[in-house]
PDB file of N, CA and C in Angstrom:
ATOM      1  N   MET A   1       0.842  -1.171   0.004  1.00  0.00           N
ATOM      2  CA  MET A   1      -0.004   0.001   0.005  1.00  0.00           C
ATOM      3  C   MET A   1       0.887   1.233  -0.002  1.00  0.00           C
ATOM      4  N   LYS A   2       0.655   2.146  -0.913  1.00  0.00           N
ATOM      5  CA  LYS A   2       1.431   3.385  -0.951  1.00  0.00           C
ATOM      6  C   LYS A   2       0.911   4.363   0.091  1.00  0.00           C
ATOM      7  N   VAL A   3       1.841   5.022   0.775  1.00  0.00           N
ATOM      8  CA  VAL A   3       1.505   6.090   1.725  1.00  0.00           C
ATOM      9  C   VAL A   3       2.501   7.223   1.514  1.00  0.00           C
ATOM     10  N   TRP A   4       2.140   8.403   1.979  1.00  0.00           N
ATOM     11  CA  TRP A   4       3.005   9.566   1.904  1.00  0.00           C
ATOM     12  C   TRP A   4       3.229  10.078   3.314  1.00  0.00           C
ATOM     13  N   LEU A   5       4.494  10.325   3.653  1.00  0.00           N
ATOM     14  CA  LEU A   5       4.846  10.894   4.946  1.00  0.00           C
ATOM     15  C   LEU A   5       5.265  12.339   4.733  1.00  0.00           C
ATOM     16  N   ALA A   6       4.814  13.200   5.625  1.00  0.00           N
ATOM     17  CA  ALA A   6       5.137  14.615   5.534  1.00  0.00           C
ATOM     18  C   ALA A   6       5.318  15.194   6.927  1.00  0.00           C
ATOM     19  N   ARG A   7       6.367  16.004   7.063  1.00  0.00           N
ATOM     20  CA  ARG A   7       6.646  16.650   8.349  1.00  0.00           C
ATOM     21  C   ARG A   7       6.295  18.125   8.255  1.00  0.00           C
ATOM     22  N   ASP A   8       5.495  18.593   9.207  1.00  0.00           N
ATOM     23  CA  ASP A   8       5.130  20.004   9.282  1.00  0.00           C
ATOM     24  C   ASP A   8       6.319  20.817   9.760  1.00  0.00           C
ATOM     25  N   VAL A   9       6.240  22.136   9.597  1.00  0.00           N
ATOM     26  CA  VAL A   9       7.319  23.028  10.043  1.00  0.00           C
ATOM     27  C   VAL A   9       7.629  22.839  11.525  1.00  0.00           C
ATOM     28  N   ASP A  10       6.593  22.598  12.354  1.00  0.00           N
ATOM     29  CA  ASP A  10       6.798  22.437  13.792  1.00  0.00           C
ATOM     30  C   ASP A  10       7.314  21.059  14.178  1.00  0.00           C
ATOM     31  N   GLY A  11       7.557  20.182  13.208  1.00  0.00           N
ATOM     32  CA  GLY A  11       8.141  18.864  13.491  1.00  0.00           C
ATOM     33  C   GLY A  11       7.153  17.725  13.533  1.00  0.00           C
ATOM     34  N   GLY A  12       5.852  17.986  13.509  1.00  0.00           N
ATOM     35  CA  GLY A  12       4.862  16.926  13.521  1.00  0.00           C
ATOM     36  C   GLY A  12       4.942  16.093  12.245  1.00  0.00           C
ATOM     37  N   LEU A  13       4.898  14.769  12.409  1.00  0.00           N
ATOM     38  CA  LEU A  13       4.986  13.859  11.267  1.00  0.00           C
ATOM     39  C   LEU A  13       3.637  13.182  11.060  1.00  0.00           C
ATOM     40  N   PHE A  14       3.172  13.166   9.811  1.00  0.00           N
ATOM     41  CA  PHE A  14       1.876  12.585   9.482  1.00  0.00           C
ATOM     42  C   PHE A  14       1.998  11.651   8.290  1.00  0.00           C
ATOM     43  N   MET A  15       1.121  10.634   8.282  1.00  0.00           N
ATOM     44  CA  MET A  15       1.043   9.692   7.168  1.00  0.00           C
ATOM     45  C   MET A  15      -0.296   9.919   6.476  1.00  0.00           C
ATOM     46  N   TYR A  16      -0.272   9.886   5.145  1.00  0.00           N
ATOM     47  CA  TYR A  16      -1.467  10.140   4.334  1.00  0.00           C
ATOM     48  C   TYR A  16      -1.665   8.991   3.355  1.00  0.00           C
ATOM     49  N   ASN A  17      -2.918   8.716   3.013  1.00  0.00           N
ATOM     50  CA  ASN A  17      -3.190   7.670   2.032  1.00  0.00           C
ATOM     51  C   ASN A  17      -3.276   8.221   0.614  1.00  0.00           C
ATOM     52  N   ILE A  18      -3.203   9.522   0.455  1.00  0.00           N
ATOM     53  CA  ILE A  18      -3.086  10.186  -0.846  1.00  0.00           C
ATOM     54  C   ILE A  18      -2.051  11.297  -0.693  1.00  0.00           C
ATOM     55  N   PRO A  19      -1.419  11.746  -1.764  1.00  0.00           N
ATOM     56  CA  PRO A  19      -0.420  12.807  -1.615  1.00  0.00           C
ATOM     57  C   PRO A  19      -1.033  14.069  -0.996  1.00  0.00           C
ATOM     58  N   PRO A  20      -0.447  14.583   0.088  1.00  0.00           N
ATOM     59  CA  PRO A  20      -0.989  15.776   0.718  1.00  0.00           C
ATOM     60  C   PRO A  20      -0.530  17.048   0.000  1.00  0.00           C
ATOM     61  N   LYS A  21      -1.268  18.111   0.252  1.00  0.00           N
ATOM     62  CA  LYS A  21      -0.958  19.416  -0.348  1.00  0.00           C
ATOM     63  C   LYS A  21      -0.163  20.251   0.658  1.00  0.00           C
ATOM     64  N   ARG A  22       0.913  20.901   0.190  1.00  0.00           N
ATOM     65  CA  ARG A  22       1.732  21.759   1.065  1.00  0.00           C
ATOM     66  C   ARG A  22       1.002  23.082   1.273  1.00  0.00           C
ATOM     67  N   MET A  23       0.849  23.464   2.544  1.00  0.00           N
ATOM     68  CA  MET A  23       0.277  24.758   2.900  1.00  0.00           C
ATOM     69  C   MET A  23       1.433  25.646   3.389  1.00  0.00           C
ATOM     70  N   ASP A  24       1.141  26.722   4.122  1.00  0.00           N
ATOM     71  CA  ASP A  24       2.193  27.627   4.592  1.00  0.00           C
ATOM     72  C   ASP A  24       3.184  26.948   5.545  1.00  0.00           C
ATOM     73  N   SER A  25       2.681  26.176   6.493  1.00  0.00           N
ATOM     74  CA  SER A  25       3.568  25.556   7.485  1.00  0.00           C
ATOM     75  C   SER A  25       3.177  24.123   7.817  1.00  0.00           C
ATOM     76  N   PHE A  26       2.258  23.536   7.054  1.00  0.00           N
ATOM     77  CA  PHE A  26       1.796  22.179   7.308  1.00  0.00           C
ATOM     78  C   PHE A  26       1.290  21.564   6.004  1.00  0.00           C
ATOM     79  N   PHE A  27       0.958  20.273   6.068  1.00  0.00           N
ATOM     80  CA  PHE A  27       0.393  19.574   4.919  1.00  0.00           C
ATOM     81  C   PHE A  27      -1.057  19.246   5.224  1.00  0.00           C
ATOM     82  N   MET A  28      -1.853  19.108   4.160  1.00  0.00           N
ATOM     83  CA  MET A  28      -3.260  18.839   4.352  1.00  0.00           C
ATOM     84  C   MET A  28      -3.741  17.880   3.271  1.00  0.00           C
ATOM     85  N   SER A  29      -4.556  16.933   3.700  1.00  0.00           N
ATOM     86  CA  SER A  29      -5.165  16.001   2.755  1.00  0.00           C
ATOM     87  C   SER A  29      -6.288  16.710   2.035  1.00  0.00           C
ATOM     88  N   GLU A  30      -6.463  16.391   0.776  1.00  0.00           N
ATOM     89  CA  GLU A  30      -7.541  17.007   0.005  1.00  0.00           C
ATOM     90  C   GLU A  30      -8.824  16.196   0.064  1.00  0.00           C
ATOM     91  N   VAL A  31      -8.847  15.143   0.865  1.00  0.00           N
ATOM     92  CA  VAL A  31     -10.049  14.324   1.027  1.00  0.00           C
ATOM     93  C   VAL A  31     -10.905  14.936   2.117  1.00  0.00           C
ATOM     94  N   HIS A  32     -12.166  15.226   1.814  1.00  0.00           N
ATOM     95  CA  HIS A  32     -13.037  15.875   2.787  1.00  0.00           C
ATOM     96  C   HIS A  32     -14.257  15.029   3.103  1.00  0.00           C
ATOM     97  N   ASP A  33     -14.175  13.720   2.862  1.00  0.00           N
ATOM     98  CA  ASP A  33     -15.307  12.871   3.212  1.00  0.00           C
ATOM     99  C   ASP A  33     -15.035  12.177   4.548  1.00  0.00           C
ATOM    100  N   SER A  34     -15.809  11.179   4.861  1.00  0.00           N
ATOM    101  CA  SER A  34     -15.692  10.528   6.175  1.00  0.00           C
ATOM    102  C   SER A  34     -14.522   9.576   6.274  1.00  0.00           C
ATOM    103  N   ALA A  35     -13.866   9.280   5.158  1.00  0.00           N
ATOM    104  CA  ALA A  35     -12.739   8.340   5.189  1.00  0.00           C
ATOM    105  C   ALA A  35     -11.531   8.997   5.855  1.00  0.00           C
ATOM    106  N   LYS A  36     -10.863   8.256   6.724  1.00  0.00           N
ATOM    107  CA  LYS A  36      -9.663   8.752   7.387  1.00  0.00           C
ATOM    108  C   LYS A  36      -8.557   8.855   6.344  1.00  0.00           C
ATOM    109  N   SER A  37      -7.907   9.978   6.258  1.00  0.00           N
ATOM    110  CA  SER A  37      -6.884  10.162   5.241  1.00  0.00           C
ATOM    111  C   SER A  37      -5.549  10.618   5.815  1.00  0.00           C
ATOM    112  N   GLN A  38      -5.493  10.837   7.123  1.00  0.00           N
ATOM    113  CA  GLN A  38      -4.238  11.304   7.743  1.00  0.00           C
ATOM    114  C   GLN A  38      -4.114  10.735   9.149  1.00  0.00           C
ATOM    115  N   TRP A  39      -2.894  10.334   9.514  1.00  0.00           N
ATOM    116  CA  TRP A  39      -2.621   9.783  10.832  1.00  0.00           C
ATOM    117  C   TRP A  39      -1.335  10.404  11.372  1.00  0.00           C
ATOM    118  N   GLU A  40      -1.359  10.821  12.610  1.00  0.00           N
ATOM    119  CA  GLU A  40      -0.159  11.369  13.236  1.00  0.00           C
ATOM    120  C   GLU A  40       0.747  10.222  13.666  1.00  0.00           C
ATOM    121  N   LEU A  41       2.051  10.360  13.420  1.00  0.00           N
ATOM    122  CA  LEU A  41       3.030   9.336  13.782  1.00  0.00           C
ATOM    123  C   LEU A  41       3.817   9.793  15.009  1.00  0.00           C
ATOM    124  N   PRO A  42       4.470   8.846  15.700  1.00  0.00           N
ATOM    125  CA  PRO A  42       5.195   9.183  16.933  1.00  0.00           C
ATOM    126  C   PRO A  42       6.298  10.223  16.714  1.00  0.00           C
ATOM    127  N   GLU A  43       6.476  11.060  17.726  1.00  0.00           N
ATOM    128  CA  GLU A  43       7.524  12.077  17.694  1.00  0.00           C
ATOM    129  C   GLU A  43       8.876  11.415  17.554  1.00  0.00           C
ATOM    130  N   GLY A  44       9.723  11.927  16.693  1.00  0.00           N
ATOM    131  CA  GLY A  44      11.063  11.386  16.504  1.00  0.00           C
ATOM    132  C   GLY A  44      11.154  10.298  15.458  1.00  0.00           C
ATOM    133  N   PHE A  45      10.032   9.787  14.969  1.00  0.00           N
ATOM    134  CA  PHE A  45      10.024   8.721  13.966  1.00  0.00           C
ATOM    135  C   PHE A  45      10.562   9.262  12.650  1.00  0.00           C
ATOM    136  N   LEU A  46      11.552   8.601  12.060  1.00  0.00           N
ATOM    137  CA  LEU A  46      12.174   9.000  10.798  1.00  0.00           C
ATOM    138  C   LEU A  46      12.640  10.457  10.816  1.00  0.00           C
ATOM    139  N   GLN A  47      13.183  10.876  11.938  1.00  0.00           N
ATOM    140  CA  GLN A  47      13.579  12.274  12.142  1.00  0.00           C
ATOM    141  C   GLN A  47      14.537  12.774  11.068  1.00  0.00           C
ATOM    142  N   ASP A  48      15.494  11.945  10.664  1.00  0.00           N
ATOM    143  CA  ASP A  48      16.481  12.386   9.676  1.00  0.00           C
ATOM    144  C   ASP A  48      16.058  12.137   8.240  1.00  0.00           C
ATOM    145  N   ASP A  49      15.070  11.278   8.029  1.00  0.00           N
ATOM    146  CA  ASP A  49      14.660  10.904   6.680  1.00  0.00           C
ATOM    147  C   ASP A  49      13.571  11.808   6.106  1.00  0.00           C
ATOM    148  N   VAL A  50      12.654  12.256   6.938  1.00  0.00           N
ATOM    149  CA  VAL A  50      11.527  13.067   6.462  1.00  0.00           C
ATOM    150  C   VAL A  50      11.611  14.438   7.121  1.00  0.00           C
ATOM    151  N   THR A  51      11.832  15.444   6.309  1.00  0.00           N
ATOM    152  CA  THR A  51      11.937  16.821   6.812  1.00  0.00           C
ATOM    153  C   THR A  51      10.886  17.687   6.117  1.00  0.00           C
ATOM    154  N   TRP A  52      10.680  18.885   6.623  1.00  0.00           N
ATOM    155  CA  TRP A  52       9.758  19.831   5.980  1.00  0.00           C
ATOM    156  C   TRP A  52      10.206  20.082   4.536  1.00  0.00           C
ATOM    157  N   GLU A  53      11.543  20.210   4.358  1.00  0.00           N
ATOM    158  CA  GLU A  53      12.068  20.545   3.054  1.00  0.00           C
ATOM    159  C   GLU A  53      11.858  19.450   2.005  1.00  0.00           C
ATOM    160  N   ASN A  54      11.927  18.159   2.417  1.00  0.00           N
ATOM    161  CA  ASN A  54      11.798  17.093   1.431  1.00  0.00           C
ATOM    162  C   ASN A  54      10.428  16.400   1.447  1.00  0.00           C
ATOM    163  N   SER A  55       9.493  16.944   2.181  1.00  0.00           N
ATOM    164  CA  SER A  55       8.158  16.351   2.278  1.00  0.00           C
ATOM    165  C   SER A  55       7.284  16.827   1.119  1.00  0.00           C
ATOM    166  N   PRO A  56       6.310  16.030   0.735  1.00  0.00           N
ATOM    167  CA  PRO A  56       6.022  14.684   1.206  1.00  0.00           C
ATOM    168  C   PRO A  56       6.891  13.654   0.497  1.00  0.00           C
ATOM    169  N   LYS A  57       7.096  12.516   1.177  1.00  0.00           N
ATOM    170  CA  LYS A  57       7.862  11.406   0.609  1.00  0.00           C
ATOM    171  C   LYS A  57       6.962  10.187   0.497  1.00  0.00           C
ATOM    172  N   GLU A  58       7.064   9.508  -0.640  1.00  0.00           N
ATOM    173  CA  GLU A  58       6.236   8.332  -0.877  1.00  0.00           C
ATOM    174  C   GLU A  58       6.944   7.094  -0.320  1.00  0.00           C
ATOM    175  N   TYR A  59       6.178   6.249   0.352  1.00  0.00           N
ATOM    176  CA  TYR A  59       6.692   5.004   0.937  1.00  0.00           C
ATOM    177  C   TYR A  59       5.741   3.863   0.584  1.00  0.00           C
ATOM    178  N   GLU A  60       6.266   2.664   0.671  1.00  0.00           N
ATOM    179  CA  GLU A  60       5.449   1.458   0.523  1.00  0.00           C
ATOM    180  C   GLU A  60       5.276   0.891   1.923  1.00  0.00           C
ATOM    181  N   MET A  61       4.015   0.777   2.365  1.00  0.00           N
ATOM    182  CA  MET A  61       3.730   0.232   3.693  1.00  0.00           C
ATOM    183  C   MET A  61       3.341  -1.227   3.546  1.00  0.00           C
ATOM    184  N   ILE A  62       4.007  -2.071   4.312  1.00  0.00           N
ATOM    185  CA  ILE A  62       3.712  -3.500   4.310  1.00  0.00           C
ATOM    186  C   ILE A  62       3.195  -3.857   5.691  1.00  0.00           C
ATOM    187  N   MET A  63       2.018  -4.474   5.745  1.00  0.00           N
ATOM    188  CA  MET A  63       1.411  -4.820   7.025  1.00  0.00           C
ATOM    189  C   MET A  63       1.410  -6.331   7.215  1.00  0.00           C
ATOM    190  N   ASP A  64       1.691  -6.756   8.437  1.00  0.00           N
ATOM    191  CA  ASP A  64       1.541  -8.147   8.827  1.00  0.00           C
ATOM    192  C   ASP A  64       0.332  -8.224   9.738  1.00  0.00           C
ATOM    193  N   ILE A  65      -0.623  -9.052   9.378  1.00  0.00           N
ATOM    194  CA  ILE A  65      -1.805  -9.209  10.194  1.00  0.00           C
ATOM    195  C   ILE A  65      -1.832 -10.644  10.696  1.00  0.00           C
ATOM    196  N   TYR A  66      -1.934 -10.793  12.012  1.00  0.00           N
ATOM    197  CA  TYR A  66      -1.950 -12.124  12.594  1.00  0.00           C
ATOM    198  C   TYR A  66      -2.837 -12.105  13.831  1.00  0.00           C
ATOM    199  N   GLU A  67      -3.322 -13.264  14.170  1.00  0.00           N
ATOM    200  CA  GLU A  67      -4.226 -13.388  15.311  1.00  0.00           C
ATOM    201  C   GLU A  67      -3.416 -13.464  16.605  1.00  0.00           C
ATOM    202  N   LEU A  68      -3.836 -12.698  17.599  1.00  0.00           N
ATOM    203  CA  LEU A  68      -3.229 -12.772  18.920  1.00  0.00           C
ATOM    204  C   LEU A  68      -4.051 -13.739  19.753  1.00  0.00           C
ATOM    205  N   LYS A  69      -3.382 -14.688  20.350  1.00  0.00           N
ATOM    206  CA  LYS A  69      -4.085 -15.686  21.152  1.00  0.00           C
ATOM    207  C   LYS A  69      -3.754 -15.461  22.604  1.00  0.00           C
ATOM    208  N   ALA A  70      -4.782 -15.450  23.430  1.00  0.00           N
ATOM    209  CA  ALA A  70      -4.581 -15.263  24.874  1.00  0.00           C
ATOM    210  C   ALA A  70      -3.910 -16.496  25.465  1.00  0.00           C
ATOM    211  N   GLN A  71      -2.990 -16.254  26.348  1.00  0.00           N
ATOM    212  CA  GLN A  71      -2.334 -17.359  27.043  1.00  0.00           C
ATOM    213  C   GLN A  71      -2.952 -17.483  28.412  1.00  0.00           C
ATOM    214  N   ILE A  72      -3.593 -18.628  28.673  1.00  0.00           N
ATOM    215  CA  ILE A  72      -4.271 -18.864  29.924  1.00  0.00           C
ATOM    216  C   ILE A  72      -3.458 -19.855  30.746  1.00  0.00           C
ATOM    217  N   LYS A  73      -3.120 -19.447  31.970  1.00  0.00           N
ATOM    218  CA  LYS A  73      -2.347 -20.325  32.872  1.00  0.00           C
ATOM    219  C   LYS A  73      -3.305 -21.078  33.787  1.00  0.00           C
ATOM    220  N   LYS A  74      -3.027 -22.340  33.999  1.00  0.00           N
ATOM    221  CA  LYS A  74      -3.842 -23.131  34.921  1.00  0.00           C
ATOM    222  C   LYS A  74      -3.641 -22.592  36.338  1.00  0.00           C
ATOM    223  N   GLY A  75      -4.731 -22.538  37.084  1.00  0.00           N
ATOM    224  CA  GLY A  75      -4.649 -22.076  38.473  1.00  0.00           C
ATOM    225  C   GLY A  75      -4.926 -20.603  38.615  1.00  0.00           C
ATOM    226  N   ASP A  76      -5.093 -19.871  37.539  1.00  0.00           N
ATOM    227  CA  ASP A  76      -5.390 -18.436  37.628  1.00  0.00           C
ATOM    228  C   ASP A  76      -6.872 -18.200  37.799  1.00  0.00           C
TER     229      ASP A  76
END
């Protein structure tokens, strides 16, 4: 799945499912419907790779989906 990462002037990093538009000091998704189109990422993530100057950058996101099974101990 293609995603775009963009860092705002203040350092906030966001992931978008479509290329975001550069505004004065931040990026904005052009999707205005109910679908989620932007997610904030943890502070410091890809600090040296994604900057305001080189944003947005296109990435390929690979997800692993697996079932979590509860571990039940006897006697609990």
